[in-house]
């Protein structure tokens, strides 16, 4: 019974962590597109699909699963769900660090550059802005 509960918690935390990492990556891309005077609405769906596709790769899935599992281990996650779940998600995202969201954002930026073309003024401004 304990292992089933642990697995269920880890699975729920994994989904929430993946959503949070994706949200941070998409927000980063949106900020960069808007700073380059691009139209975010034209790229929102393709960027979200690229970011989620990247996070679904086995390598990314294992990183997220490790962090979620660690935070849901018996003894670490012992509070009631209304307190323990958000805390486990925050701690798992913190454990993952900034690199995974940054790599996912790079996939989103590559999608924008591919759809507009390298010669596009928006892409040139995004590259100039860093």
C-alpha atoms as a PDB file:
ATOM      1  CA  UNK A   1       0.000   0.000   0.000  1.00  0.00           C
ATOM      2  CA  UNK A   2       2.792   2.441   0.844  1.00  0.00           C
ATOM      3  CA  UNK A   3       4.499   1.924  -2.523  1.00  0.00           C
ATOM      4  CA  UNK A   4       1.236   2.461  -4.403  1.00  0.00           C
ATOM      5  CA  UNK A   5       0.616   5.704  -2.522  1.00  0.00           C
ATOM      6  CA  UNK A   6       4.205   6.812  -3.134  1.00  0.00           C
ATOM      7  CA  UNK A   7       3.887   6.027  -6.872  1.00  0.00           C
ATOM      8  CA  UNK A   8       0.589   7.910  -7.122  1.00  0.00           C
ATOM      9  CA  UNK A   9       2.049  10.942  -5.377  1.00  0.00           C
ATOM     10  CA  UNK A  10       5.184  10.874  -7.536  1.00  0.00           C
ATOM     11  CA  UNK A  11       3.074  10.609 -10.693  1.00  0.00           C
ATOM     12  CA  UNK A  12       0.916  13.574  -9.695  1.00  0.00           C
ATOM     13  CA  UNK A  13       3.947  15.644  -8.696  1.00  0.00           C
ATOM     14  CA  UNK A  14       5.687  14.678 -11.955  1.00  0.00           C
ATOM     15  CA  UNK A  15       2.773  16.047 -14.002  1.00  0.00           C
ATOM     16  CA  UNK A  16       2.669  19.271 -12.017  1.00  0.00           C
ATOM     17  CA  UNK A  17       6.449  19.722 -12.247  1.00  0.00           C
ATOM     18  CA  UNK A  18       6.383  19.168 -16.021  1.00  0.00           C
ATOM     19  CA  UNK A  19       3.639  21.811 -16.330  1.00  0.00           C
ATOM     20  CA  UNK A  20       5.623  24.266 -14.200  1.00  0.00           C
ATOM     21  CA  UNK A  21       8.856  23.733 -16.160  1.00  0.00           C
ATOM     22  CA  UNK A  22       6.926  24.145 -19.426  1.00  0.00           C
ATOM     23  CA  UNK A  23       5.234  27.303 -18.100  1.00  0.00           C
ATOM     24  CA  UNK A  24       8.593  28.836 -17.224  1.00  0.00           C
ATOM     25  CA  UNK A  25      10.076  27.956 -20.618  1.00  0.00           C
ATOM     26  CA  UNK A  26       7.094  29.311 -22.574  1.00  0.00           C
ATOM     27  CA  UNK A  27       7.094  32.485 -20.486  1.00  0.00           C
ATOM     28  CA  UNK A  28      10.770  32.990 -21.314  1.00  0.00           C
ATOM     29  CA  UNK A  29      10.141  32.566 -25.042  1.00  0.00           C
ATOM     30  CA  UNK A  30       7.123  34.856 -24.940  1.00  0.00           C
ATOM     31  CA  UNK A  31       9.150  37.554 -23.198  1.00  0.00           C
ATOM     32  CA  UNK A  32      11.878  37.319 -25.817  1.00  0.00           C
ATOM     33  CA  UNK A  33       9.470  37.339 -28.777  1.00  0.00           C
ATOM     34  CA  UNK A  34       7.596  40.347 -27.407  1.00  0.00           C
ATOM     35  CA  UNK A  35      10.862  42.175 -26.647  1.00  0.00           C
ATOM     36  CA  UNK A  36      11.821  41.677 -30.302  1.00  0.00           C
ATOM     37  CA  UNK A  37       8.466  43.202 -31.313  1.00  0.00           C
ATOM     38  CA  UNK A  38       7.133  39.900 -32.597  1.00  0.00           C
ATOM     39  CA  UNK A  39       3.525  38.743 -32.455  1.00  0.00           C
ATOM     40  CA  UNK A  40       3.264  36.083 -29.744  1.00  0.00           C
ATOM     41  CA  UNK A  41      -0.168  34.888 -30.896  1.00  0.00           C
ATOM     42  CA  UNK A  42       1.348  33.659 -34.173  1.00  0.00           C
ATOM     43  CA  UNK A  43       3.796  31.386 -32.366  1.00  0.00           C
ATOM     44  CA  UNK A  44       2.139  30.391 -29.083  1.00  0.00           C
ATOM     45  CA  UNK A  45       0.818  26.997 -30.186  1.00  0.00           C
ATOM     46  CA  UNK A  46       3.970  25.876 -31.971  1.00  0.00           C
ATOM     47  CA  UNK A  47       6.219  27.004 -29.103  1.00  0.00           C
ATOM     48  CA  UNK A  48       4.094  25.165 -26.534  1.00  0.00           C
ATOM     49  CA  UNK A  49       4.166  22.028 -28.683  1.00  0.00           C
ATOM     50  CA  UNK A  50       7.957  22.233 -29.082  1.00  0.00           C
ATOM     51  CA  UNK A  51       8.521  22.772 -25.349  1.00  0.00           C
ATOM     52  CA  UNK A  52       6.206  19.925 -24.348  1.00  0.00           C
ATOM     53  CA  UNK A  53       7.780  17.681 -26.993  1.00  0.00           C
ATOM     54  CA  UNK A  54      11.216  18.399 -25.560  1.00  0.00           C
ATOM     55  CA  UNK A  55      10.049  17.690 -22.011  1.00  0.00           C
ATOM     56  CA  UNK A  56       8.532  14.383 -23.168  1.00  0.00           C
ATOM     57  CA  UNK A  57      11.931  13.084 -24.289  1.00  0.00           C
ATOM     58  CA  UNK A  58      13.201  10.213 -22.158  1.00  0.00           C
ATOM     59  CA  UNK A  59      16.154  12.209 -20.826  1.00  0.00           C
ATOM     60  CA  UNK A  60      13.962  15.063 -19.605  1.00  0.00           C
ATOM     61  CA  UNK A  61      11.317  12.693 -18.287  1.00  0.00           C
ATOM     62  CA  UNK A  62      13.919  10.910 -16.152  1.00  0.00           C
ATOM     63  CA  UNK A  63      15.207  14.190 -14.692  1.00  0.00           C
ATOM     64  CA  UNK A  64      11.683  15.265 -13.771  1.00  0.00           C
ATOM     65  CA  UNK A  65      10.786  11.788 -12.472  1.00  0.00           C
ATOM     66  CA  UNK A  66      13.879  11.695 -10.258  1.00  0.00           C
ATOM     67  CA  UNK A  67      13.087  15.065  -8.704  1.00  0.00           C
ATOM     68  CA  UNK A  68       9.410  14.201  -8.221  1.00  0.00           C
ATOM     69  CA  UNK A  69      10.207  10.774  -6.749  1.00  0.00           C
ATOM     70  CA  UNK A  70      12.745  12.216  -4.345  1.00  0.00           C
ATOM     71  CA  UNK A  71      10.259  14.754  -3.022  1.00  0.00           C
ATOM     72  CA  UNK A  72       7.559  12.067  -2.603  1.00  0.00           C
ATOM     73  CA  UNK A  73       9.666   9.516  -0.752  1.00  0.00           C
ATOM     74  CA  UNK A  74       8.182   8.249   2.495  1.00  0.00           C
ATOM     75  CA  UNK A  75       9.282  10.547   5.282  1.00  0.00           C
ATOM     76  CA  UNK A  76       9.839  13.550   2.965  1.00  0.00           C
ATOM     77  CA  UNK A  77       6.195  13.929   1.883  1.00  0.00           C
ATOM     78  CA  UNK A  78       4.299  13.326   5.110  1.00  0.00           C
ATOM     79  CA  UNK A  79       1.964  16.325   5.288  1.00  0.00           C
ATOM     80  CA  UNK A  80      -1.669  16.365   4.163  1.00  0.00           C
ATOM     81  CA  UNK A  81      -2.068  16.770   0.399  1.00  0.00           C
ATOM     82  CA  UNK A  82      -3.151  20.414   0.516  1.00  0.00           C
ATOM     83  CA  UNK A  83       0.193  21.326   2.098  1.00  0.00           C
ATOM     84  CA  UNK A  84       2.476  18.546   0.930  1.00  0.00           C
ATOM     85  CA  UNK A  85       1.645  18.553  -2.784  1.00  0.00           C
ATOM     86  CA  UNK A  86       2.477  22.210  -3.550  1.00  0.00           C
ATOM     87  CA  UNK A  87       5.574  21.953  -1.366  1.00  0.00           C
ATOM     88  CA  UNK A  88       6.749  18.819  -3.206  1.00  0.00           C
ATOM     89  CA  UNK A  89       6.211  20.519  -6.576  1.00  0.00           C
ATOM     90  CA  UNK A  90       8.126  23.649  -5.525  1.00  0.00           C
ATOM     91  CA  UNK A  91      10.992  21.617  -4.105  1.00  0.00           C
ATOM     92  CA  UNK A  92      11.168  19.353  -7.170  1.00  0.00           C
ATOM     93  CA  UNK A  93      11.278  22.362  -9.516  1.00  0.00           C
ATOM     94  CA  UNK A  94      13.990  23.894  -7.341  1.00  0.00           C
ATOM     95  CA  UNK A  95      15.896  20.580  -7.385  1.00  0.00           C
ATOM     96  CA  UNK A  96      15.779  20.511 -11.206  1.00  0.00           C
ATOM     97  CA  UNK A  97      17.226  24.009 -11.377  1.00  0.00           C
ATOM     98  CA  UNK A  98      17.228  26.528 -14.232  1.00  0.00           C
ATOM     99  CA  UNK A  99      18.905  24.436 -16.939  1.00  0.00           C
ATOM    100  CA  UNK A 100      15.967  22.261 -18.010  1.00  0.00           C
ATOM    101  CA  UNK A 101      13.571  25.208 -18.461  1.00  0.00           C
ATOM    102  CA  UNK A 102      16.328  27.058 -20.355  1.00  0.00           C
ATOM    103  CA  UNK A 103      16.894  24.103 -22.689  1.00  0.00           C
ATOM    104  CA  UNK A 104      13.150  23.800 -23.283  1.00  0.00           C
ATOM    105  CA  UNK A 105      12.999  27.547 -24.028  1.00  0.00           C
ATOM    106  CA  UNK A 106      15.794  27.114 -26.574  1.00  0.00           C
ATOM    107  CA  UNK A 107      13.623  24.565 -28.380  1.00  0.00           C
ATOM    108  CA  UNK A 108      10.795  27.094 -28.415  1.00  0.00           C
ATOM    109  CA  UNK A 109      13.077  29.834 -29.754  1.00  0.00           C
ATOM    110  CA  UNK A 110      14.335  27.472 -32.454  1.00  0.00           C
ATOM    111  CA  UNK A 111      10.721  26.887 -33.471  1.00  0.00           C
ATOM    112  CA  UNK A 112      10.095  30.626 -33.768  1.00  0.00           C
ATOM    113  CA  UNK A 113      13.285  31.092 -35.804  1.00  0.00           C
ATOM    114  CA  UNK A 114      12.366  28.181 -38.091  1.00  0.00           C
ATOM    115  CA  UNK A 115       8.866  29.513 -38.735  1.00  0.00           C
ATOM    116  CA  UNK A 116       9.992  33.087 -39.438  1.00  0.00           C
ATOM    117  CA  UNK A 117      13.306  32.339 -41.124  1.00  0.00           C
ATOM    118  CA  UNK A 118      16.750  33.493 -40.078  1.00  0.00           C
ATOM    119  CA  UNK A 119      16.503  36.668 -42.179  1.00  0.00           C
ATOM    120  CA  UNK A 120      13.398  37.871 -40.347  1.00  0.00           C
ATOM    121  CA  UNK A 121      13.804  41.173 -38.485  1.00  0.00           C
ATOM    122  CA  UNK A 122      12.167  39.638 -35.394  1.00  0.00           C
ATOM    123  CA  UNK A 123      14.707  36.786 -35.335  1.00  0.00           C
ATOM    124  CA  UNK A 124      17.564  39.235 -35.838  1.00  0.00           C
ATOM    125  CA  UNK A 125      16.323  41.361 -32.925  1.00  0.00           C
ATOM    126  CA  UNK A 126      15.921  38.264 -30.741  1.00  0.00           C
ATOM    127  CA  UNK A 127      19.506  37.253 -31.494  1.00  0.00           C
ATOM    128  CA  UNK A 128      20.742  40.788 -30.804  1.00  0.00           C
ATOM    129  CA  UNK A 129      18.853  40.902 -27.489  1.00  0.00           C
ATOM    130  CA  UNK A 130      20.524  37.654 -26.435  1.00  0.00           C
END
